[in-house]
Each structure stands twice: as C-alpha cells, then as structure tokens.
Protein backbone atom coordinates (compact mmCIF):
# COMPACT_ATOMS: atom_id res chain seq x y z
CA MET A 1 262.65 -240.42 -138.92
CA ILE A 2 265.52 -242.71 -139.91
CA LYS A 3 267.88 -239.71 -140.20
CA LYS A 4 266.92 -238.58 -136.69
CA LEU A 5 267.59 -242.04 -135.28
CA LEU A 6 270.92 -242.21 -137.11
CA TYR A 7 271.97 -238.81 -135.72
CA LEU A 8 270.84 -239.84 -132.23
CA ALA A 9 272.83 -243.09 -132.48
CA ILE A 10 275.95 -241.19 -133.59
CA ILE A 11 275.60 -238.68 -130.74
CA LEU A 12 275.12 -241.46 -128.18
CA ALA A 13 278.14 -243.32 -129.53
CA LEU A 14 280.32 -240.21 -129.29
CA VAL A 15 279.15 -239.47 -125.75
CA SER A 16 279.88 -243.08 -124.76
CA LEU A 17 283.36 -242.89 -126.25
CA MET A 18 284.17 -239.62 -124.50
CA THR A 19 282.94 -240.73 -121.09
CA GLY A 20 283.86 -244.38 -120.88
CA CYS A 21 286.72 -245.38 -123.11
CA GLY A 22 289.82 -243.80 -121.71
CA MET A 23 288.86 -240.16 -122.30
CA GLN A 24 289.87 -239.11 -118.79
CA ASN A 25 290.49 -235.80 -117.14
CA PRO A 26 294.26 -235.03 -117.18
CA HIS A 27 293.99 -233.53 -113.68
CA LYS A 28 292.60 -236.81 -112.33
CA ILE A 29 295.29 -238.78 -114.12
CA ALA A 30 297.99 -236.52 -112.67
CA LYS A 31 296.53 -236.94 -109.18
CA VAL A 32 296.53 -240.74 -109.47
CA VAL A 33 300.09 -240.82 -110.83
CA LYS A 34 301.37 -238.39 -108.15
CA SER A 35 299.87 -240.54 -105.41
CA SER A 36 301.30 -243.72 -106.89
CA ILE A 37 304.81 -242.29 -107.32
CA GLN A 38 304.92 -240.88 -103.79
CA LYS A 39 303.62 -244.17 -102.37
CA SER A 40 306.45 -245.97 -104.19
CA PHE A 41 308.97 -243.53 -102.76
CA ASP A 42 307.54 -243.97 -99.25
CA THR A 43 307.28 -247.76 -99.24
CA GLU A 44 309.99 -249.23 -101.48
CA PRO A 45 313.23 -250.10 -99.64
CA GLU A 46 315.56 -248.74 -102.35
CA TYR A 47 314.28 -245.21 -101.65
CA ALA A 48 314.17 -245.46 -97.83
CA ASN A 49 317.44 -243.62 -97.13
CA LEU A 50 316.81 -240.86 -99.70
CA HIS A 51 313.26 -239.80 -98.71
CA PRO A 52 312.40 -238.46 -102.20
CA GLN A 53 309.44 -236.09 -102.47
CA LEU A 54 307.37 -235.57 -105.59
CA LYS A 55 306.97 -231.79 -105.84
CA ASP A 56 305.10 -231.44 -109.13
CA LEU A 57 303.88 -233.38 -112.15
CA GLN A 58 303.06 -231.90 -115.55
CA LEU A 59 301.29 -233.95 -118.22
CA GLU A 60 301.23 -233.61 -121.98
CA MET A 61 298.62 -235.63 -123.87
CA ILE A 62 300.14 -237.64 -126.71
CA ASP A 63 296.88 -239.30 -127.73
CA THR A 64 293.68 -240.43 -126.05
CA ASN A 65 295.37 -242.97 -123.76
CA HIS A 66 299.01 -241.85 -123.71
CA TYR A 67 300.70 -239.01 -121.87
CA LYS A 68 304.23 -237.80 -121.33
CA GLY A 69 304.94 -236.49 -117.88
CA ILE A 70 307.63 -234.43 -116.20
CA ALA A 71 307.91 -235.15 -112.49
CA LYS A 72 309.86 -232.78 -110.27
CA VAL A 73 311.46 -234.95 -107.59
CA GLU A 74 313.33 -233.51 -104.63
CA VAL A 75 316.09 -235.58 -103.04
CA LYS A 76 318.31 -234.16 -100.29
CA GLY A 77 317.50 -230.59 -101.27
CA LYS A 78 318.10 -230.99 -105.00
CA THR A 79 315.27 -231.07 -107.54
CA TYR A 80 315.41 -233.36 -110.56
CA ASN A 81 313.15 -233.44 -113.62
CA CYS A 82 312.17 -236.99 -114.50
CA GLU A 83 310.38 -237.99 -117.69
CA LEU A 84 307.51 -240.47 -117.44
CA ASN A 85 305.41 -242.48 -119.86
CA ILE A 86 301.79 -242.72 -118.72
CA GLU A 87 299.12 -244.92 -120.23
CA THR A 88 295.44 -245.10 -119.35
CA GLU A 89 293.03 -247.92 -120.04
CA GLY A 90 289.52 -247.30 -118.80
CA LYS A 91 289.96 -246.44 -115.13
CA MET A 92 293.47 -247.92 -114.91
CA VAL A 93 296.51 -245.66 -115.05
CA ASN A 94 300.02 -247.06 -115.51
CA TRP A 95 303.22 -245.06 -115.37
CA GLU A 96 306.90 -245.76 -115.76
CA PRO A 97 309.96 -243.55 -115.80
CA VAL A 98 311.73 -243.17 -119.12
CA GLU A 99 314.83 -245.36 -118.92
CA GLY A 100 317.55 -243.74 -116.85
CA ASN A 101 315.39 -241.01 -115.32
CA PHE A 102 315.51 -242.26 -111.71
CA GLU A 103 319.19 -243.23 -111.81
CA PHE A 104 320.18 -240.22 -109.70
CA MET A 105 318.68 -242.08 -106.71
CA TYR A 106 320.95 -245.11 -107.02
C-alpha cells in the first residue's frame, strides 16, 4: 500500500511539473513572442518609418524555460535574420534580441 501511494505521489508530482511549471508548448510560446514583436514594431516610434514585418519565428529549446529564436524580419523588401533570447516563467514569456540584432533598423 505504501509503495502504491509513493508511486502515485511521484506520478502526480511529475504531472504537476509538466503542466504548471514552465513546461509550455513551443508553438504557443512562438505565437506569444510573434505577437509581442509585431506589436512593438507597430507601436514604437523608432520603427514607425520602417514598417518592419515579422515573417517567421523559429524556436530552439535550450532548457525547460529558455529558448533561442530566429526571427525573420522584413524591412523595405529585405529580410533579416535576428537572434532572440526567450525565457518563460509560468505563463509569462519574455524575449529580447541578442545584442546588435536589430541594429539594421537604426
């Protein structure tokens, strides 16, 4: 009986970890990051004259809460690959370009 309870506790703990502690679907993370990047492009004054468009975003999982991303950004007909660092914490997703990766827009 004790062994069964121990196994049940371990299974419940693993399920809880996988569903609630940052173990998120990469497709959902990509969707959130895409939306956030495009919103920044559309609303921040420094991008107003360039009208950048996010064409694609590919993610690579580094560990449970960290991803590397490659964003394909189109500006005035040219496409640029921009590296991103993405971190998740629960339902929060934070992203930032790797230093120097958005410099082509300045």
